[in-house]
Every structure is written in structure tokens, then in C-alpha cells.
Amino acid sequence: MKSCPYLPLPKHALKPSDTRVWRDECGPNYYQICLECAQSLWQAHLPAQALLQLNKSFMCQLDPADSILQKFPLPYRAIRWMLANYHPEDFIGNPVRHFQHLASRMSAKSPQAELRTWRAWACYHIASRVLDHDDFPPDEQQIRYEKLSIPSVTEVSSQLEKLGLTGEVDLFKREIEK
């Protein structure tokens, strides 16, 4: 399978448990191993699991000056690329619904919960634009029963500008405007 050009290549095959060694640090090393693990899972034809690793990378406490971000910015582009390039025979789940649930059910105890919620909404909008709505619908039942309001792209952009890393909103907008 073609590698994602927006993620680092791992030195060897990785599995999700390989990221645990850096989890407590939750900084640049954890970010890199999450990206490498996502690439490894992608190469193993496991796109749903690869996307979960990219979700985990959004937990990291990063400084815009971290060298890993210069090489591999926050993975909005990688997510869009994976959604546009997955093989239909590989299980991807429903990324639209996944990001909706991730955003609307974020635990306040999780690292950077508020920022991660807005990042999940950003990914929701990317997935909604890339994937066919009939095949990958949002969870209408949750929207109806929980009276969930999906924030607009403008609202997501505003929150990323306020809470995110320097330039993060531009990374998101670049993918949403394609």
C-alpha cells in the first residue's frame, strides 16, 4: 500500500501498544510515535486504526518550535489524504460519525480536552467534505436525541485560532477549502 506522504516512515512495523512508552510525556516524542504508528497501521491496511493514532497525536502538548512540527505539522492533511485514499476493502468505519462522537463526548479529564474537542470538530468537517454523505452519514439519532448542534466551519476556525497552535487554523482551512 502506498505510504501517506504526510507522515513519517517507521523504522519497523508498529502497533498501538508501542506508543505507550511515551504516553506520560505526551509531548514531541509521543507525537512522533503516534504519527509513525499511524503510518505503520496504514501500510498494514488498517485505516481505521491509523486514524485513531492520529487522534491520539492531537493530545500532545507541543510548542510551535518543536522540530517534529516543522517536518510533520498537525495531521489535518494526513487525515484528509487517508480519507481520500483508503482502499474500500479495508475497514475504515464511519469517520464522520467517529469524529462527531469524539468531539461531543470528550472527557474533561483528557489532556487538552477543549482544544481536542475543536480539533475533532475540524476533522469531522474534513471527513464530511471528503467522504460520500450516503455512505458515511453523521449520527442523526445523537443529533436529534441529544439536541447536538454541529459547530460551523467558521466557529471551529475561530476556536482553533483562539486555542490551537500558531498557524493551526491555517492547516485546517487549507484542507477544508480543497
C-alpha atoms as a PDB file:
ATOM      1  CA  MET A   1       0.000   0.000   0.000  1.00  0.00           C
ATOM      2  CA  LYS A   2       1.227   3.489  -0.832  1.00  0.00           C
ATOM      3  CA  SER A   3       2.557   5.340   2.211  1.00  0.00           C
ATOM      4  CA  CYS A   4       0.912   8.548   3.364  1.00  0.00           C
ATOM      5  CA  PRO A   5       3.251  11.318   2.175  1.00  0.00           C
ATOM      6  CA  TYR A   6       2.349  13.492   5.184  1.00  0.00           C
ATOM      7  CA  LEU A   7       3.520  11.070   7.868  1.00  0.00           C
ATOM      8  CA  PRO A   8       6.969   9.796   8.866  1.00  0.00           C
ATOM      9  CA  LEU A   9       8.019   6.307   7.841  1.00  0.00           C
ATOM     10  CA  PRO A  10       8.564   3.989  10.802  1.00  0.00           C
ATOM     11  CA  LYS A  11      11.797   2.001  11.032  1.00  0.00           C
ATOM     12  CA  HIS A  12       9.722  -1.163  11.579  1.00  0.00           C
ATOM     13  CA  ALA A  13       6.092  -2.210  11.905  1.00  0.00           C
ATOM     14  CA  LEU A  14       4.401  -0.642  14.930  1.00  0.00           C
ATOM     15  CA  LYS A  15       1.267  -1.470  16.854  1.00  0.00           C
ATOM     16  CA  PRO A  16      -0.771   0.841  19.120  1.00  0.00           C
ATOM     17  CA  SER A  17       0.805  -0.529  22.297  1.00  0.00           C
ATOM     18  CA  ASP A  18       4.203   0.681  21.038  1.00  0.00           C
ATOM     19  CA  THR A  19       3.114   4.264  21.727  1.00  0.00           C
ATOM     20  CA  ARG A  20       2.619   3.685  25.474  1.00  0.00           C
ATOM     21  CA  VAL A  21       6.274   4.225  26.330  1.00  0.00           C
ATOM     22  CA  TRP A  22       5.875   7.956  25.508  1.00  0.00           C
ATOM     23  CA  ARG A  23       2.246   8.424  26.663  1.00  0.00           C
ATOM     24  CA  ASP A  24       3.089  10.040  30.013  1.00  0.00           C
ATOM     25  CA  GLU A  25       5.390  12.542  28.301  1.00  0.00           C
ATOM     26  CA  CYS A  26       2.602  13.414  25.849  1.00  0.00           C
ATOM     27  CA  GLY A  27       4.987  15.726  24.011  1.00  0.00           C
ATOM     28  CA  PRO A  28       7.074  15.649  20.830  1.00  0.00           C
ATOM     29  CA  ASN A  29       8.239  12.026  21.240  1.00  0.00           C
ATOM     30  CA  TYR A  30       4.688  10.798  21.751  1.00  0.00           C
ATOM     31  CA  TYR A  31       3.540  12.866  18.777  1.00  0.00           C
ATOM     32  CA  GLN A  32       6.198  11.302  16.544  1.00  0.00           C
ATOM     33  CA  ILE A  33       5.474   7.725  17.641  1.00  0.00           C
ATOM     34  CA  CYS A  34       1.726   8.276  17.096  1.00  0.00           C
ATOM     35  CA  LEU A  35       2.405   9.524  13.563  1.00  0.00           C
ATOM     36  CA  GLU A  36       4.785   6.636  12.842  1.00  0.00           C
ATOM     37  CA  CYS A  37       2.283   4.140  14.249  1.00  0.00           C
ATOM     38  CA  ALA A  38      -0.460   5.667  12.085  1.00  0.00           C
ATOM     39  CA  GLN A  39       1.755   5.195   9.023  1.00  0.00           C
ATOM     40  CA  SER A  40       2.556   1.611  10.025  1.00  0.00           C
ATOM     41  CA  LEU A  41      -1.128   0.760  10.525  1.00  0.00           C
ATOM     42  CA  TRP A  42      -1.992   2.453   7.230  1.00  0.00           C
ATOM     43  CA  GLN A  43       0.636   0.346   5.445  1.00  0.00           C
ATOM     44  CA  ALA A  44      -0.890  -2.755   7.099  1.00  0.00           C
ATOM     45  CA  HIS A  45      -4.284  -1.899   5.537  1.00  0.00           C
ATOM     46  CA  LEU A  46      -5.772  -0.777   8.866  1.00  0.00           C
ATOM     47  CA  PRO A  47      -7.016   2.753   8.074  1.00  0.00           C
ATOM     48  CA  ALA A  48      -9.489   2.954  10.982  1.00  0.00           C
ATOM     49  CA  GLN A  49      -6.716   2.172  13.454  1.00  0.00           C
ATOM     50  CA  ALA A  50      -4.387   4.595  11.681  1.00  0.00           C
ATOM     51  CA  LEU A  51      -6.945   7.380  12.148  1.00  0.00           C
ATOM     52  CA  LEU A  52      -7.178   6.535  15.863  1.00  0.00           C
ATOM     53  CA  GLN A  53      -3.427   7.070  16.173  1.00  0.00           C
ATOM     54  CA  LEU A  54      -3.771  10.463  14.517  1.00  0.00           C
ATOM     55  CA  ASN A  55      -6.489  11.282  17.068  1.00  0.00           C
ATOM     56  CA  LYS A  56      -4.016  10.426  19.815  1.00  0.00           C
ATOM     57  CA  SER A  57      -1.423  12.739  18.292  1.00  0.00           C
ATOM     58  CA  PHE A  58      -3.794  15.658  18.909  1.00  0.00           C
ATOM     59  CA  MET A  59      -3.420  15.088  22.690  1.00  0.00           C
ATOM     60  CA  CYS A  60       0.212  16.122  22.661  1.00  0.00           C
ATOM     61  CA  GLN A  61       1.405  19.254  24.373  1.00  0.00           C
ATOM     62  CA  LEU A  62       3.530  20.767  21.641  1.00  0.00           C
ATOM     63  CA  ASP A  63       5.345  24.022  21.111  1.00  0.00           C
ATOM     64  CA  PRO A  64       5.182  25.522  17.604  1.00  0.00           C
ATOM     65  CA  ALA A  65       9.008  25.499  17.647  1.00  0.00           C
ATOM     66  CA  ASP A  66       9.205  21.708  18.142  1.00  0.00           C
ATOM     67  CA  SER A  67      11.260  20.320  15.267  1.00  0.00           C
ATOM     68  CA  ILE A  68       8.801  17.482  14.595  1.00  0.00           C
ATOM     69  CA  LEU A  69       6.138  20.063  13.697  1.00  0.00           C
ATOM     70  CA  GLN A  70       8.453  21.593  11.123  1.00  0.00           C
ATOM     71  CA  LYS A  71       8.674  18.222   9.359  1.00  0.00           C
ATOM     72  CA  PHE A  72       5.206  16.904  10.156  1.00  0.00           C
ATOM     73  CA  PRO A  73       2.613  19.558  11.037  1.00  0.00           C
ATOM     74  CA  LEU A  74      -0.570  18.656  12.886  1.00  0.00           C
ATOM     75  CA  PRO A  75      -2.107  15.843  10.826  1.00  0.00           C
ATOM     76  CA  TYR A  76      -5.122  17.521   9.215  1.00  0.00           C
ATOM     77  CA  ARG A  77      -3.577  16.934   5.775  1.00  0.00           C
ATOM     78  CA  ALA A  78      -2.702  13.315   6.616  1.00  0.00           C
ATOM     79  CA  ILE A  79      -6.282  12.695   7.739  1.00  0.00           C
ATOM     80  CA  ARG A  80      -7.689  14.170   4.547  1.00  0.00           C
ATOM     81  CA  TRP A  81      -5.231  12.149   2.465  1.00  0.00           C
ATOM     82  CA  MET A  82      -6.129   8.890   4.225  1.00  0.00           C
ATOM     83  CA  LEU A  83      -9.856   9.522   3.822  1.00  0.00           C
ATOM     84  CA  ALA A  84      -9.364  10.211   0.118  1.00  0.00           C
ATOM     85  CA  ASN A  85      -7.014   7.268  -0.490  1.00  0.00           C
ATOM     86  CA  TYR A  86      -8.187   4.336   1.621  1.00  0.00           C
ATOM     87  CA  HIS A  87      -8.989   1.083  -0.158  1.00  0.00           C
ATOM     88  CA  PRO A  88     -12.725   0.296   0.071  1.00  0.00           C
ATOM     89  CA  GLU A  89     -11.956  -3.312   1.033  1.00  0.00           C
ATOM     90  CA  ASP A  90     -10.079  -2.066   4.137  1.00  0.00           C
ATOM     91  CA  PHE A  91     -12.151  -1.274   7.230  1.00  0.00           C
ATOM     92  CA  ILE A  92     -12.369   2.450   7.876  1.00  0.00           C
ATOM     93  CA  GLY A  93     -15.575   2.519   9.922  1.00  0.00           C
ATOM     94  CA  ASN A  94     -17.516   5.750   9.671  1.00  0.00           C
ATOM     95  CA  PRO A  95     -15.027   8.584  10.248  1.00  0.00           C
ATOM     96  CA  VAL A  96     -17.750  11.247  10.129  1.00  0.00           C
ATOM     97  CA  ARG A  97     -19.634   9.572  12.978  1.00  0.00           C
ATOM     98  CA  HIS A  98     -16.384   8.781  14.791  1.00  0.00           C
ATOM     99  CA  PHE A  99     -15.247  12.411  14.822  1.00  0.00           C
ATOM    100  CA  GLN A 100     -18.757  13.540  15.817  1.00  0.00           C
ATOM    101  CA  HIS A 101     -18.713  11.177  18.800  1.00  0.00           C
ATOM    102  CA  LEU A 102     -15.136  12.085  19.697  1.00  0.00           C
ATOM    103  CA  ALA A 103     -15.976  15.795  19.703  1.00  0.00           C
ATOM    104  CA  SER A 104     -19.282  15.521  21.535  1.00  0.00           C
ATOM    105  CA  ARG A 105     -18.154  13.019  24.176  1.00  0.00           C
ATOM    106  CA  MET A 106     -14.673  14.265  25.042  1.00  0.00           C
ATOM    107  CA  SER A 107     -13.828  13.624  28.675  1.00  0.00           C
ATOM    108  CA  ALA A 108     -12.974  16.801  30.553  1.00  0.00           C
ATOM    109  CA  LYS A 109     -10.181  14.802  32.206  1.00  0.00           C
ATOM    110  CA  SER A 110      -8.370  14.068  28.958  1.00  0.00           C
ATOM    111  CA  PRO A 111      -5.301  16.139  28.027  1.00  0.00           C
ATOM    112  CA  GLN A 112      -6.211  19.417  26.327  1.00  0.00           C
ATOM    113  CA  ALA A 113      -9.891  18.417  26.308  1.00  0.00           C
ATOM    114  CA  GLU A 114     -11.306  21.698  24.996  1.00  0.00           C
ATOM    115  CA  LEU A 115      -8.730  22.035  22.217  1.00  0.00           C
ATOM    116  CA  ARG A 116      -9.103  18.355  21.280  1.00  0.00           C
ATOM    117  CA  THR A 117     -12.864  18.816  21.042  1.00  0.00           C
ATOM    118  CA  TRP A 118     -12.388  21.578  18.479  1.00  0.00           C
ATOM    119  CA  ARG A 119      -9.774  19.533  16.630  1.00  0.00           C
ATOM    120  CA  ALA A 120     -12.247  16.643  16.453  1.00  0.00           C
ATOM    121  CA  TRP A 121     -14.874  19.003  15.005  1.00  0.00           C
ATOM    122  CA  ALA A 122     -12.283  20.145  12.465  1.00  0.00           C
ATOM    123  CA  CYS A 123     -11.707  16.510  11.481  1.00  0.00           C
ATOM    124  CA  TYR A 124     -15.478  15.986  11.340  1.00  0.00           C
ATOM    125  CA  HIS A 125     -15.742  18.767   8.756  1.00  0.00           C
ATOM    126  CA  ILE A 126     -12.817  17.403   6.738  1.00  0.00           C
ATOM    127  CA  ALA A 127     -14.353  13.912   6.736  1.00  0.00           C
ATOM    128  CA  SER A 128     -17.771  15.325   5.820  1.00  0.00           C
ATOM    129  CA  ARG A 129     -16.284  17.002   2.761  1.00  0.00           C
ATOM    130  CA  VAL A 130     -14.138  14.090   1.587  1.00  0.00           C
ATOM    131  CA  LEU A 131     -16.474  11.140   2.156  1.00  0.00           C
ATOM    132  CA  ASP A 132     -19.801  10.417   0.484  1.00  0.00           C
ATOM    133  CA  HIS A 133     -22.639  11.503   2.784  1.00  0.00           C
ATOM    134  CA  ASP A 134     -24.815   8.498   1.898  1.00  0.00           C
ATOM    135  CA  ASP A 135     -22.073   6.039   2.836  1.00  0.00           C
ATOM    136  CA  PHE A 136     -20.735   7.990   5.824  1.00  0.00           C
ATOM    137  CA  PRO A 137     -23.605   9.900   7.452  1.00  0.00           C
ATOM    138  CA  PRO A 138     -23.407  11.708  10.766  1.00  0.00           C
ATOM    139  CA  ASP A 139     -25.177  10.177  13.764  1.00  0.00           C
ATOM    140  CA  GLU A 140     -28.584  11.758  13.224  1.00  0.00           C
ATOM    141  CA  GLN A 141     -30.009   9.931  16.241  1.00  0.00           C
ATOM    142  CA  GLN A 142     -27.449  11.562  18.540  1.00  0.00           C
ATOM    143  CA  ILE A 143     -28.124  14.947  16.936  1.00  0.00           C
ATOM    144  CA  ARG A 144     -31.850  14.529  17.467  1.00  0.00           C
ATOM    145  CA  TYR A 145     -31.936  12.974  20.962  1.00  0.00           C
ATOM    146  CA  GLU A 146     -29.104  14.960  22.489  1.00  0.00           C
ATOM    147  CA  LYS A 147     -30.056  18.135  20.608  1.00  0.00           C
ATOM    148  CA  LEU A 148     -26.469  18.252  19.420  1.00  0.00           C
ATOM    149  CA  SER A 149     -25.523  21.324  17.455  1.00  0.00           C
ATOM    150  CA  ILE A 150     -22.712  20.742  14.957  1.00  0.00           C
ATOM    151  CA  PRO A 151     -20.469  23.819  15.021  1.00  0.00           C
ATOM    152  CA  SER A 152     -19.866  25.548  11.707  1.00  0.00           C
ATOM    153  CA  VAL A 153     -16.501  25.641   9.963  1.00  0.00           C
ATOM    154  CA  THR A 154     -16.323  29.326  10.923  1.00  0.00           C
ATOM    155  CA  GLU A 155     -16.879  28.527  14.598  1.00  0.00           C
ATOM    156  CA  VAL A 156     -14.322  25.701  14.513  1.00  0.00           C
ATOM    157  CA  SER A 157     -11.804  28.013  12.824  1.00  0.00           C
ATOM    158  CA  SER A 158     -12.395  30.700  15.438  1.00  0.00           C
ATOM    159  CA  GLN A 159     -11.802  28.253  18.291  1.00  0.00           C
ATOM    160  CA  LEU A 160      -8.680  26.789  16.678  1.00  0.00           C
ATOM    161  CA  GLU A 161      -7.360  30.331  16.236  1.00  0.00           C
ATOM    162  CA  LYS A 162      -8.014  31.009  19.923  1.00  0.00           C
ATOM    163  CA  LEU A 163      -6.891  27.700  21.465  1.00  0.00           C
ATOM    164  CA  GLY A 164      -4.657  25.983  18.909  1.00  0.00           C
ATOM    165  CA  LEU A 165      -1.033  26.229  17.974  1.00  0.00           C
ATOM    166  CA  THR A 166       0.195  29.171  15.943  1.00  0.00           C
ATOM    167  CA  GLY A 167      -0.856  28.533  12.347  1.00  0.00           C
ATOM    168  CA  GLU A 168      -3.111  25.586  13.205  1.00  0.00           C
ATOM    169  CA  VAL A 169      -6.226  27.232  11.832  1.00  0.00           C
ATOM    170  CA  ASP A 170      -4.434  27.696   8.500  1.00  0.00           C
ATOM    171  CA  LEU A 171      -3.623  23.967   8.368  1.00  0.00           C
ATOM    172  CA  PHE A 172      -7.313  23.197   8.913  1.00  0.00           C
ATOM    173  CA  LYS A 173      -8.561  25.787   6.413  1.00  0.00           C
ATOM    174  CA  ARG A 174      -6.173  24.509   3.749  1.00  0.00           C
ATOM    175  CA  GLU A 175      -7.793  21.076   3.974  1.00  0.00           C
ATOM    176  CA  ILE A 176     -11.361  22.301   4.225  1.00  0.00           C
ATOM    177  CA  GLU A 177     -11.049  24.598   1.206  1.00  0.00           C
ATOM    178  CA  LYS A 178      -9.790  21.885  -1.177  1.00  0.00           C
END
